Amino acid sequence: MGPAIYLLCSAAAATCAYLLLQAYRRGGSRLLLWSGLCFVGLTINNLILVADKVIVPHIDLSLYRTSAALVAMTVLLYGLIWDAER
């Protein structure tokens, strides 16, 4: 059951990233860009989670997984601050 949930989370994050980036391309709102890039990072985070828990459970990938999430959140935070100052 766990691997299915991990894959569904990856698919949901990828779908969100796609929709947000597509909306940015149409409308040009920068908040959509930062949010879409954040979800790209969260998709990578979820894919690393699948690899960590399902594909290679004997190798600890938590550092890479956490780093991907940190970069994703940093991108969103940077975008929120940068756009607020403009």
Foldseek 3Di string as FASTA:
>chain_A
DVLVVLVVQLVVLQVLLVVLVVVCVVPVDLLSVLLSQLSVLLSVLSVVVSCCVPVCVVDHCVVVSVVSNVVSVVSNVCSVVVVVVD
